[in-house]
Amino acid sequence: MAAMRLSVALMLSILMFAEVLTAEADEESRSVGAALDGDDECAAGSECALNAIQLRGVQQAAVAAANATEEADGEVKIVDDLPEGWNATENTTEIPTLTSMDGAMQPMWDSYKNVDCRDNIDAKQCSLYKYCRGPRYCVMGGYMIVPGFYAAGMESINRGNAGSFDYLMYAAHGMCGGTSCVLITNPVGFRTQNELHIHFRHLDNDGPNLKHQLEDTLCGREGWHYFSKCGAAKARIYSSFPGVFSEVADAYAGNNLGSVGITVWETTACGAGYQTMVLVTSHCSIEHQISNR
C-alpha cells in the first residue's frame, strides 16, 4: 500500500511538473507570436520568423513587439487635418525673408535650426514631429511625407545614412509622380518645421519654365552638370527614379546635406520615356517659386 501511495504521489508530481512546463511553453509561444506579429521583417512567412528567433532571441523579439508602433494595420499614417495654426509662423513677420533676383527664398529665422523637437514637442516648429511619431512615415496635410522618427531636416542626412531615407522620397513619388509634379526638400534656415518633410506638389508659377530649362540642360547627357539657380547648383537626369538622397549625398562627397535643397522632376521630353531630373541647390529654397499648395 505504501508503495502504491508513493507511486500515485510520484505520478501526481510528474503531472504537476508537466502542467508547469506546458504553461511556460504556452506563455513563451504567445510571447514569440506577439513579437513576430510586431516585427515587420517577419511578415513574409515562417522561414523569416525562424531566422528572426535565431538572430534576435525570444527576449529581444518580445521587446520589439512591446515597442511596436500603434499603427496596427500598417506602417503609414494619414494626417489629413493638421491642427489650426500648426504652421502659423510661415510667411509672417516672425520669420523675416528676403527674395533674391531670381525669386528664390533667402534665409529665414536661423534659430529654427537650434530647436530639438524631442525636448520641445509643443513648439510651433515641432508640429510635424508631434503628430507623426511611430509609423514608418506619415502623409500629412495632403502634400507632405514625414518620417515617423525624429530627423531635424536635411542636416540629418549624409552618405553613411542616406540610403535609410531614400524610401521617403519613393513614397513622395508614389503620391505625385507625373510630369506635372515636383518633389521638394528645403535646407536649414529655409523651413518653419524642424522635422524632415518632403513636399509633393504640382508645378505652378515659374515651375514649368524651370523644368524646360532643366530639360534643355540635361537631355541626352550623363552625370551631374552645372545649373544656375540661386547661385551655383547642379542637376542630373536618370533613366528611372533613383535613390535620391543617396545620389545627392554621393555628389556632395558624403558631407551632411544641411545646406542642400532638392527638387525632383519627371520628364518625357528627352525622347527616352519617363526620366527623372534631380536639381540640387545650396543655401536657398525655390519651393514657392515653382509650386503652390
Protein backbone atom coordinates (compact mmCIF):
# COMPACT_ATOMS: atom_id res chain seq x y z
CA MET A 1 0.00 0.00 0.00
CA ALA A 2 2.83 2.35 0.88
CA ALA A 3 4.42 1.62 -2.46
CA MET A 4 1.14 2.40 -4.24
CA ARG A 5 0.78 5.73 -2.35
CA LEU A 6 4.35 6.60 -3.34
CA SER A 7 3.64 5.71 -6.95
CA VAL A 8 0.49 7.84 -7.02
CA ALA A 9 2.31 10.75 -5.40
CA LEU A 10 5.12 10.43 -7.95
CA MET A 11 2.62 10.43 -10.82
CA LEU A 12 0.87 13.50 -9.42
CA SER A 13 4.22 15.26 -9.10
CA ILE A 14 5.05 14.37 -12.68
CA LEU A 15 1.68 15.66 -13.91
CA MET A 16 2.03 18.91 -11.97
CA PHE A 17 5.52 19.40 -13.36
CA ALA A 18 4.21 18.74 -16.86
CA GLU A 19 1.48 21.34 -16.36
CA VAL A 20 4.07 23.91 -15.34
CA LEU A 21 6.17 23.13 -18.40
CA THR A 22 3.12 23.32 -20.66
CA ALA A 23 2.08 26.67 -19.19
CA GLU A 24 5.58 28.07 -19.63
CA ALA A 25 5.71 26.77 -23.19
CA ASP A 26 2.32 28.35 -23.95
CA GLU A 27 3.44 31.66 -22.48
CA GLU A 28 6.66 31.57 -24.46
CA SER A 29 4.70 30.73 -27.61
CA ARG A 30 2.37 33.66 -27.03
CA SER A 31 5.34 35.97 -26.44
CA VAL A 32 7.06 34.80 -29.60
CA GLY A 33 3.86 35.08 -31.60
CA ALA A 34 3.24 38.61 -30.35
CA ALA A 35 6.82 39.54 -31.04
CA LEU A 36 6.72 38.23 -34.57
CA ASP A 37 3.38 39.89 -35.22
CA GLY A 38 5.05 43.18 -34.34
CA ASP A 39 8.14 42.52 -36.43
CA ASP A 40 7.59 43.80 -39.97
CA GLU A 41 10.61 41.88 -41.19
CA CYS A 42 8.78 38.60 -40.48
CA ALA A 43 5.61 39.24 -42.45
CA ALA A 44 6.80 37.05 -45.31
CA GLY A 45 6.42 33.65 -43.61
CA SER A 46 7.65 31.06 -41.13
CA GLU A 47 11.18 30.84 -42.51
CA CYS A 48 11.71 34.52 -41.80
CA ALA A 49 10.17 34.06 -38.35
CA LEU A 50 12.57 31.23 -37.53
CA ASN A 51 15.52 33.34 -38.65
CA ALA A 52 14.31 36.21 -36.51
CA ILE A 53 14.20 33.97 -33.43
CA GLN A 54 17.66 32.62 -34.16
CA LEU A 55 19.15 36.07 -34.72
CA ARG A 56 17.47 38.10 -32.03
CA GLY A 57 16.27 35.58 -29.49
CA VAL A 58 12.83 35.38 -27.97
CA GLN A 59 13.51 38.11 -25.42
CA GLN A 60 14.66 40.68 -27.98
CA ALA A 61 11.71 39.93 -30.21
CA ALA A 62 9.34 40.43 -27.29
CA VAL A 63 10.91 43.81 -26.57
CA ALA A 64 10.50 44.77 -30.21
CA ALA A 65 6.83 43.83 -30.02
CA ALA A 66 6.33 45.91 -26.90
CA ASN A 67 7.82 48.93 -28.62
CA ALA A 68 5.96 48.42 -31.89
CA THR A 69 4.02 51.27 -33.46
CA GLU A 70 0.39 51.80 -32.55
CA GLU A 71 -0.42 51.68 -36.27
CA ALA A 72 -1.83 48.15 -36.09
CA ASP A 73 -2.91 47.94 -39.70
CA GLY A 74 0.31 49.07 -41.35
CA GLU A 75 3.25 51.43 -41.30
CA VAL A 76 1.69 54.51 -42.89
CA LYS A 77 -0.35 57.13 -41.04
CA ILE A 78 -2.59 59.60 -42.84
CA VAL A 79 -2.96 63.01 -41.21
CA ASP A 80 -5.39 64.96 -43.37
CA ASP A 81 -6.33 67.69 -40.93
CA LEU A 82 -3.45 69.32 -39.13
CA PRO A 83 -4.50 71.48 -36.17
CA GLU A 84 -5.31 75.10 -36.93
CA GLY A 85 -2.25 77.28 -36.68
CA TRP A 86 0.22 74.38 -36.78
CA ASN A 87 2.35 76.32 -39.27
CA ALA A 88 1.18 79.80 -38.37
CA THR A 89 4.69 81.21 -38.45
CA GLU A 90 5.08 80.57 -42.17
CA ASN A 91 5.18 83.71 -44.32
CA THR A 92 4.63 86.02 -41.33
CA THR A 93 6.79 88.78 -39.94
CA GLU A 94 8.01 86.41 -37.21
CA ILE A 95 10.39 84.88 -39.75
CA PRO A 96 11.98 87.55 -41.92
CA THR A 97 12.58 86.52 -45.51
CA LEU A 98 14.36 88.15 -48.40
CA THR A 99 13.90 87.50 -52.08
CA SER A 100 16.83 87.32 -54.45
CA MET A 101 16.87 88.48 -58.05
CA ASP A 102 15.74 85.07 -59.33
CA GLY A 103 12.88 84.80 -56.84
CA ALA A 104 14.43 82.24 -54.51
CA MET A 105 13.81 82.49 -50.78
CA GLN A 106 16.72 83.66 -48.69
CA PRO A 107 17.49 82.76 -45.04
CA MET A 108 14.65 82.59 -42.54
CA TRP A 109 14.87 82.90 -38.80
CA ASP A 110 18.07 80.99 -38.12
CA SER A 111 17.13 79.94 -34.58
CA TYR A 112 14.77 77.33 -36.02
CA LYS A 113 17.68 75.02 -36.61
CA ASN A 114 18.57 75.08 -32.91
CA VAL A 115 15.32 73.56 -31.60
CA ASP A 116 15.43 69.84 -30.83
CA CYS A 117 11.83 68.69 -31.11
CA ARG A 118 12.43 65.71 -28.85
CA ASP A 119 12.76 68.21 -26.00
CA ASN A 120 10.33 70.83 -27.33
CA ILE A 121 7.46 68.82 -28.77
CA ASP A 122 4.89 71.60 -28.28
CA ALA A 123 6.94 74.24 -30.09
CA LYS A 124 5.32 75.51 -33.28
CA GLN A 125 8.22 74.31 -35.38
CA CYS A 126 7.78 70.79 -33.99
CA SER A 127 4.19 70.18 -35.11
CA LEU A 128 5.11 67.63 -37.78
CA TYR A 129 7.17 65.62 -35.34
CA LYS A 130 4.43 65.84 -32.71
CA TYR A 131 1.77 64.38 -35.00
CA CYS A 132 3.93 61.75 -36.70
CA ARG A 133 5.74 59.50 -34.25
CA GLY A 134 5.84 55.73 -34.62
CA PRO A 135 4.78 54.73 -38.15
CA ARG A 136 7.30 54.29 -40.92
CA TYR A 137 6.10 57.57 -42.38
CA CYS A 138 3.06 59.85 -42.46
CA VAL A 139 1.23 61.51 -45.34
CA MET A 140 0.42 64.88 -43.84
CA GLY A 141 -1.83 67.70 -44.99
CA GLY A 142 -2.28 66.07 -48.38
CA TYR A 143 1.10 67.29 -49.65
CA MET A 144 3.92 66.10 -47.34
CA ILE A 145 5.77 62.90 -46.47
CA VAL A 146 7.16 62.92 -42.93
CA PRO A 147 9.21 60.17 -41.24
CA GLY A 148 7.83 58.63 -38.07
CA PHE A 149 11.09 59.22 -36.22
CA TYR A 150 13.00 62.35 -35.31
CA ALA A 151 15.12 63.79 -38.11
CA ALA A 152 15.57 67.55 -37.84
CA GLY A 153 15.94 68.10 -41.57
CA MET A 154 18.43 67.81 -44.40
CA GLU A 155 21.28 68.17 -41.91
CA SER A 156 20.32 64.72 -40.60
CA ILE A 157 21.33 63.08 -43.90
CA ASN A 158 24.85 62.13 -45.03
CA ARG A 159 26.44 59.46 -47.17
CA GLY A 160 26.53 56.99 -44.31
CA ASN A 161 22.78 57.03 -43.67
CA ALA A 162 21.27 58.44 -46.87
CA GLY A 163 20.07 55.03 -48.01
CA SER A 164 17.83 54.76 -44.96
CA PHE A 165 16.00 57.92 -46.04
CA ASP A 166 15.51 57.04 -49.72
CA TYR A 167 12.21 55.26 -49.06
CA LEU A 168 10.68 58.60 -48.06
CA MET A 169 11.35 60.08 -51.49
CA TYR A 170 9.94 56.94 -53.12
CA ALA A 171 6.82 57.45 -51.01
CA ALA A 172 6.52 61.07 -52.14
CA HIS A 173 6.95 59.98 -55.74
CA GLY A 174 4.17 57.47 -55.24
CA MET A 175 1.86 60.28 -54.14
CA CYS A 176 2.68 62.56 -57.07
CA GLY A 177 4.78 61.01 -59.80
CA GLY A 178 3.57 62.56 -63.05
CA THR A 179 5.22 65.12 -65.28
CA SER A 180 3.25 67.93 -63.64
CA CYS A 181 4.64 67.06 -60.19
CA VAL A 182 7.68 68.19 -58.25
CA LEU A 183 9.12 66.82 -55.00
CA ILE A 184 10.82 69.35 -52.73
CA THR A 185 13.02 69.47 -49.63
CA ASN A 186 14.36 72.66 -48.08
CA PRO A 187 17.70 73.22 -46.30
CA VAL A 188 18.47 74.53 -42.82
CA GLY A 189 17.27 78.10 -42.37
CA PHE A 190 14.62 77.86 -45.09
CA ARG A 191 11.89 75.98 -43.30
CA THR A 192 9.41 76.55 -40.50
CA GLN A 193 9.38 72.96 -39.23
CA ASN A 194 12.22 71.15 -37.52
CA GLU A 195 11.26 67.72 -38.80
CA LEU A 196 12.35 66.44 -42.18
CA HIS A 197 9.49 66.66 -44.67
CA ILE A 198 9.17 66.21 -48.40
CA HIS A 199 6.61 68.28 -50.28
CA PHE A 200 4.84 66.64 -53.21
CA ARG A 201 3.27 69.38 -55.27
CA HIS A 202 2.02 70.25 -58.74
CA LEU A 203 4.09 72.70 -60.75
CA ASP A 204 2.89 76.29 -60.78
CA ASN A 205 4.25 79.81 -61.05
CA ASP A 206 7.69 79.55 -62.67
CA GLY A 207 7.84 75.75 -62.27
CA PRO A 208 7.13 74.82 -65.92
CA ASN A 209 9.74 77.30 -67.18
CA LEU A 210 12.41 75.98 -64.81
CA LYS A 211 11.54 72.44 -65.85
CA HIS A 212 12.10 73.32 -69.53
CA GLN A 213 15.48 74.82 -68.62
CA LEU A 214 16.45 71.61 -66.87
CA GLU A 215 15.39 69.55 -69.88
CA ASP A 216 17.45 71.76 -72.21
CA THR A 217 20.46 71.28 -69.93
CA LEU A 218 20.16 67.56 -69.23
CA CYS A 219 18.55 65.69 -72.15
CA GLY A 220 21.00 63.22 -73.67
CA ARG A 221 23.70 63.86 -71.07
CA GLU A 222 25.09 61.77 -68.23
CA GLY A 223 26.37 62.70 -64.79
CA TRP A 224 26.00 65.91 -62.83
CA HIS A 225 26.03 69.25 -64.62
CA TYR A 226 26.30 72.86 -63.53
CA PHE A 227 22.99 74.69 -63.37
CA SER A 228 22.43 78.33 -62.46
CA LYS A 229 19.78 78.61 -59.76
CA CYS A 230 20.21 80.69 -56.59
CA GLY A 231 23.90 80.67 -57.31
CA ALA A 232 25.75 77.54 -58.33
CA ALA A 233 23.56 74.46 -58.45
CA LYS A 234 23.91 71.04 -60.03
CA ALA A 235 21.49 68.78 -61.86
CA ARG A 236 21.35 65.26 -63.25
CA ILE A 237 18.93 63.13 -65.24
CA TYR A 238 18.25 59.44 -64.56
CA SER A 239 16.64 56.79 -66.75
CA SER A 240 14.46 55.74 -63.80
CA PHE A 241 13.61 57.07 -60.37
CA PRO A 242 16.81 56.88 -58.26
CA GLY A 243 17.57 56.68 -54.56
CA VAL A 244 17.55 60.46 -54.43
CA PHE A 245 19.17 61.11 -51.05
CA SER A 246 21.89 58.53 -51.73
CA GLU A 247 22.69 60.07 -55.11
CA VAL A 248 22.85 63.59 -53.71
CA ALA A 249 24.96 62.55 -50.71
CA ASP A 250 27.46 60.94 -53.08
CA ALA A 251 27.53 64.11 -55.17
CA TYR A 252 28.41 66.12 -52.07
CA ALA A 253 31.31 63.88 -51.08
CA GLY A 254 29.47 62.39 -48.13
CA ASN A 255 29.09 65.63 -46.15
CA ASN A 256 25.79 66.22 -44.40
CA LEU A 257 23.18 67.85 -46.61
CA GLY A 258 22.14 70.64 -44.24
CA SER A 259 22.72 73.41 -46.78
CA VAL A 260 21.11 71.49 -49.65
CA GLY A 261 17.67 71.82 -51.16
CA ILE A 262 16.43 69.11 -53.55
CA THR A 263 13.78 69.21 -56.23
CA VAL A 264 12.81 66.13 -58.25
CA TRP A 265 11.02 66.29 -61.59
CA GLU A 266 9.65 63.74 -64.07
CA THR A 267 10.04 64.35 -67.80
CA THR A 268 9.25 62.69 -71.13
CA ALA A 269 10.82 65.47 -73.19
CA CYS A 270 14.12 63.72 -73.86
CA GLY A 271 12.73 61.02 -76.16
CA ALA A 272 13.50 58.13 -73.80
CA GLY A 273 10.22 57.65 -71.97
CA TYR A 274 9.84 58.68 -68.36
CA GLN A 275 13.05 60.01 -66.86
CA THR A 276 13.81 61.71 -63.56
CA MET A 277 15.65 65.01 -63.16
CA VAL A 278 17.21 65.98 -59.83
CA LEU A 279 18.14 69.60 -59.13
CA VAL A 280 20.30 70.39 -56.11
CA THR A 281 20.56 73.97 -54.88
CA SER A 282 22.53 75.37 -51.94
CA HIS A 283 21.58 77.84 -49.21
CA CYS A 284 18.20 78.74 -50.72
CA SER A 285 14.67 77.48 -51.36
CA ILE A 286 12.73 77.61 -54.63
CA GLU A 287 9.60 75.96 -53.18
CA HIS A 288 7.25 78.92 -53.51
CA GLN A 289 8.74 79.94 -56.82
CA ILE A 290 7.85 76.70 -58.58
CA SER A 291 4.67 75.48 -56.86
CA ASN A 292 1.57 76.33 -54.89
CA ARG A 293 -0.22 74.11 -52.38
